[in-house]
Protein backbone atom coordinates (compact mmCIF):
# COMPACT_ATOMS: atom_id res chain seq x y z
CA MET A 1 221.87 77.92 93.48
CA ALA A 2 223.75 74.69 94.13
CA THR A 3 221.02 73.58 96.51
CA PHE A 4 218.36 74.28 93.88
CA VAL A 5 220.28 72.30 91.23
CA ALA A 6 220.74 69.44 93.67
CA LEU A 7 217.01 69.36 94.39
CA VAL A 8 216.19 69.35 90.66
CA VAL A 9 218.63 66.51 90.05
CA LEU A 10 217.16 64.60 93.00
CA ALA A 11 213.63 65.12 91.68
CA LEU A 12 214.66 63.91 88.24
CA ALA A 13 216.36 60.89 89.77
CA VAL A 14 213.19 59.98 91.67
CA GLN A 15 211.09 60.32 88.50
CA ILE A 16 213.54 58.20 86.49
CA GLN A 17 213.59 55.55 89.21
CA ALA A 18 209.79 55.46 89.27
CA TYR A 19 209.71 55.21 85.48
CA MET A 20 212.26 52.39 85.45
CA SER A 21 210.32 50.63 88.21
CA SER A 22 207.19 50.92 86.08
CA LEU A 23 209.03 49.46 83.09
CA GLU A 24 210.32 46.64 85.28
CA ASP A 25 206.78 45.88 86.46
CA GLU A 26 205.59 45.78 82.85
CA ARG A 27 208.49 43.50 81.90
CA ILE A 28 207.69 41.13 84.75
CA LEU A 29 204.01 41.07 83.82
CA PHE A 30 204.96 40.38 80.21
CA LEU A 31 207.26 37.52 81.16
CA LEU A 32 204.64 35.84 83.31
CA PRO A 33 203.02 32.95 81.38
CA LYS A 34 199.27 33.49 81.02
CA VAL A 35 196.20 31.28 80.61
CA GLU A 36 193.10 32.62 78.81
CA LEU A 37 190.04 30.42 79.33
CA HIS A 38 187.38 32.48 77.55
CA ALA A 39 188.70 34.69 74.77
CA HIS A 40 185.96 36.05 72.52
CA LEU A 41 187.20 35.89 68.93
CA HIS A 42 185.31 39.02 67.85
CA GLY A 43 185.97 40.75 71.17
CA SER A 44 189.72 40.22 70.76
CA MET A 45 189.91 41.94 67.37
CA ARG A 46 192.33 44.80 66.90
CA LEU A 47 190.56 48.16 66.95
CA SER A 48 192.58 49.19 63.90
CA THR A 49 191.24 46.17 61.98
CA ILE A 50 187.64 46.95 62.95
CA ILE A 51 188.02 50.54 61.76
CA GLU A 52 189.77 49.49 58.54
CA LEU A 53 187.21 46.84 57.58
CA ALA A 54 184.24 49.04 58.53
CA LYS A 55 185.57 51.73 56.20
CA GLU A 56 186.12 49.25 53.37
CA GLN A 57 182.58 47.89 53.75
CA SER A 58 180.96 51.33 54.23
CA ILE A 59 179.76 50.45 57.73
CA SER A 60 179.19 53.65 59.69
CA MET A 61 181.04 54.19 62.97
CA GLU A 62 180.11 57.87 63.30
CA ASP A 63 178.31 57.37 66.63
CA ILE A 64 181.26 55.53 68.21
CA ASP A 65 183.97 57.54 69.94
CA THR A 66 186.90 55.11 69.90
CA ASN A 67 188.92 57.53 72.04
CA GLN A 68 186.47 57.10 74.91
CA ILE A 69 186.31 53.37 75.53
CA SER A 70 183.43 52.42 77.83
CA LEU A 71 181.06 49.50 78.27
CA GLU A 72 178.57 51.17 75.91
CA VAL A 73 181.25 51.80 73.28
CA GLY A 74 182.53 48.26 73.75
CA PHE A 75 179.14 46.73 72.91
CA LYS A 76 178.83 48.99 69.87
CA LEU A 77 182.28 47.91 68.66
CA PHE A 78 181.33 44.29 69.28
CA GLY A 79 178.37 44.72 66.93
CA ILE A 80 180.61 46.27 64.27
CA ALA A 81 183.11 43.43 64.68
CA HIS A 82 180.39 40.90 63.85
CA LYS A 83 179.39 42.85 60.76
CA VAL A 84 182.86 43.27 59.30
CA ILE A 85 183.75 39.57 59.45
CA SER A 86 181.67 38.89 56.36
CA THR A 87 183.78 36.29 54.52
CA ALA A 88 185.83 33.21 55.32
CA GLN A 89 188.92 35.10 54.17
CA LEU A 90 188.32 37.83 56.76
CA LEU A 91 187.63 35.20 59.41
CA ARG A 92 191.07 33.74 58.68
CA ARG A 93 192.71 37.16 58.82
CA VAL A 94 191.13 38.07 62.16
CA PHE A 95 192.01 34.67 63.63
CA THR A 96 195.64 35.11 62.57
CA GLU A 97 195.85 38.57 64.14
CA VAL A 98 194.18 37.50 67.38
CA ILE A 99 196.50 34.51 67.76
CA HIS A 100 199.55 36.68 67.07
CA ASP A 101 198.46 39.19 69.71
CA TYR A 102 197.88 36.55 72.40
CA MET A 103 201.26 34.98 71.68
CA THR A 104 202.89 38.42 71.92
CA GLU A 105 201.34 38.78 75.40
CA ASN A 106 203.03 35.49 76.38
CA THR A 107 199.80 33.49 76.58
CA ILE A 108 200.69 29.81 76.82
CA TYR A 109 197.17 28.33 76.78
CA LEU A 110 194.23 29.88 74.93
CA GLU A 111 190.60 28.78 74.80
CA LEU A 112 189.07 30.74 71.93
CA ARG A 113 185.31 31.16 72.03
CA THR A 114 183.00 32.00 69.14
CA THR A 115 179.39 31.63 68.02
CA PRO A 116 179.39 29.78 64.66
CA ARG A 117 177.23 31.55 62.11
CA PRO A 118 176.64 31.72 58.36
CA LEU A 119 178.58 34.54 56.68
CA PRO A 120 177.30 36.77 53.86
CA ASP A 121 179.75 35.21 51.39
CA GLY A 122 177.91 31.86 51.66
CA THR A 123 180.09 30.31 54.35
CA SER A 124 177.91 27.90 56.34
CA ILE A 125 178.07 27.11 60.06
CA ASP A 126 179.92 23.88 59.22
CA GLN A 127 182.43 25.77 57.07
CA TYR A 128 182.85 28.48 59.72
CA VAL A 129 183.85 25.87 62.29
CA HIS A 130 185.97 23.97 59.77
CA GLU A 131 187.99 27.12 59.04
CA LEU A 132 188.75 27.66 62.72
CA VAL A 133 189.46 24.00 63.48
CA THR A 134 191.85 23.79 60.52
CA MET A 135 193.76 26.93 61.56
CA ILE A 136 193.94 25.86 65.21
CA LYS A 137 195.29 22.42 64.29
CA GLN A 138 197.87 23.99 61.99
CA HIS A 139 198.95 26.34 64.77
CA ASN A 140 199.16 23.58 67.38
CA GLU A 141 201.27 21.39 65.12
CA VAL A 142 203.94 24.10 65.01
CA ASN A 143 203.48 26.23 68.12
CA ALA A 144 201.81 24.11 70.81
CA ASP A 145 204.94 24.36 72.95
CA LYS A 146 204.58 28.16 72.89
CA MET A 147 200.79 28.50 73.00
CA LEU A 148 198.28 25.66 72.87
CA ILE A 149 194.87 26.61 71.46
CA ARG A 150 191.47 25.00 72.13
CA LEU A 151 188.03 26.02 70.83
CA ILE A 152 184.69 26.63 72.57
CA LEU A 153 181.56 26.83 70.41
CA SER A 154 178.89 29.16 71.76
CA ILE A 155 175.12 28.97 71.50
CA ASP A 156 173.23 32.26 71.23
CA ARG A 157 170.01 31.94 73.23
CA SER A 158 168.34 34.64 71.12
CA LYS A 159 168.53 32.38 68.04
CA PRO A 160 166.05 29.54 67.33
CA PHE A 161 166.61 26.26 69.16
CA THR A 162 167.30 24.60 65.80
CA ASN A 163 170.38 26.82 65.52
CA ALA A 164 171.61 25.59 68.91
CA ALA A 165 171.03 21.97 67.91
CA GLU A 166 173.01 22.58 64.71
CA ILE A 167 175.99 23.91 66.66
CA LEU A 168 175.92 20.94 69.02
CA ARG A 169 175.80 18.59 66.02
CA VAL A 170 178.87 20.26 64.54
CA ALA A 171 180.74 20.13 67.85
CA LEU A 172 179.99 16.43 68.30
CA SER A 173 180.95 15.63 64.71
CA TYR A 174 184.47 16.94 65.44
CA LYS A 175 184.60 15.27 68.84
CA LEU A 176 184.60 11.92 67.04
CA THR A 177 188.07 12.75 65.75
CA HIS A 178 190.84 12.32 68.31
CA SER A 179 192.64 15.49 67.24
CA SER A 180 189.65 17.83 67.56
CA PRO A 181 190.50 21.09 69.38
CA ILE A 182 186.84 21.63 70.38
CA VAL A 183 186.59 21.24 74.17
CA GLY A 184 183.30 22.79 75.17
CA LEU A 185 179.93 24.36 74.54
CA ASP A 186 179.02 27.84 75.75
CA PHE A 187 175.65 29.48 76.52
CA SER A 188 175.42 33.19 75.73
CA GLY A 189 173.27 35.96 74.31
CA ASN A 190 170.56 38.37 75.45
CA PRO A 191 169.11 36.92 78.69
CA TYR A 192 165.68 38.49 78.27
CA GLY A 193 162.99 36.25 76.81
CA VAL A 194 164.71 32.86 76.73
CA GLY A 195 165.95 31.13 79.88
CA PHE A 196 168.71 28.56 80.32
CA MET A 197 166.20 25.85 81.26
CA GLU A 198 164.82 25.93 77.71
CA PHE A 199 168.23 24.66 76.55
CA VAL A 200 169.09 22.46 79.51
CA ASP A 201 168.43 19.13 77.74
CA LEU A 202 170.78 20.15 74.93
CA PHE A 203 173.55 20.97 77.41
CA LYS A 204 172.92 17.72 79.28
CA ARG A 205 173.53 15.87 76.04
CA ALA A 206 176.68 17.89 75.38
CA ARG A 207 178.02 17.02 78.81
CA ASP A 208 177.04 13.36 78.48
CA GLU A 209 178.99 13.28 75.21
CA GLY A 210 182.12 14.53 76.95
CA LEU A 211 182.02 18.24 76.14
CA LYS A 212 182.67 20.75 78.91
CA VAL A 213 180.07 23.45 79.55
CA THR A 214 180.53 27.17 80.21
CA VAL A 215 177.83 29.80 80.52
CA HIS A 216 177.10 33.51 80.43
CA THR A 217 174.48 34.18 83.08
CA ALA A 218 172.48 37.19 84.24
CA GLU A 219 170.72 38.17 87.44
CA ILE A 220 167.19 38.10 86.09
CA GLY A 221 164.23 35.87 86.81
CA ASP A 222 163.66 32.65 84.90
CA SER A 223 160.03 32.55 83.78
CA ASN A 224 159.98 28.74 83.83
CA THR A 225 161.22 28.20 87.39
CA ASN A 226 160.47 31.53 89.10
CA GLU A 227 164.05 31.66 90.33
CA ASP A 228 166.97 33.69 89.09
CA GLU A 229 168.85 32.15 86.19
CA THR A 230 172.13 31.88 88.07
CA THR A 231 170.43 29.55 90.57
CA SER A 232 169.08 27.40 87.72
CA ILE A 233 172.55 27.14 86.22
CA LEU A 234 174.18 26.28 89.53
CA LYS A 235 171.64 23.50 90.01
CA PHE A 236 172.62 22.18 86.58
CA ARG A 237 176.25 22.21 87.82
């Protein structure tokens, strides 16, 4: 009996040690300072906020099993996230939550990325960017020593070229001010139908004006050059 009790105690001790080791690993990971160079604003939303706002706005989530997170579910949630941010007020709320969560994870440098768009409440692209720039500057004035935030504006290739030109115009208008947090221009969206080379002159101008460039790319053919898009982008450097 004593041997059995000793074995049970030993087994419990091993389990406790493993558990404490796991907690120690988590603590170490938490304490490590982190750099996030491409944080999607909508993709960083709290799941609880998406569910809450979808319910308030009568947006159906019946076909999404939030207990089974997968790539497919992730893209569905991403679509819902875009729908629920329907006003400037909600944009401010989501921004505040996202920033809080990254700070809680001990992120010390954050590049937040978003595609500026008009909102159903009448918020224009200019106002959308203005809201984010204002909140980022306010944050940096108080908390830059804890987490410095910069902003990347993204161009959606599935939208008309005039939309891309509008986003570049807005980015450059802020670049003229020394305190602008906007550091770069991003290329994103559905890769089928419109290739990077159709936007290359716009990104050349962005780079010439001092903006950095980041891209989402896909391994599909580019109809203009007969080479895969990644190769076209690498040639652009």
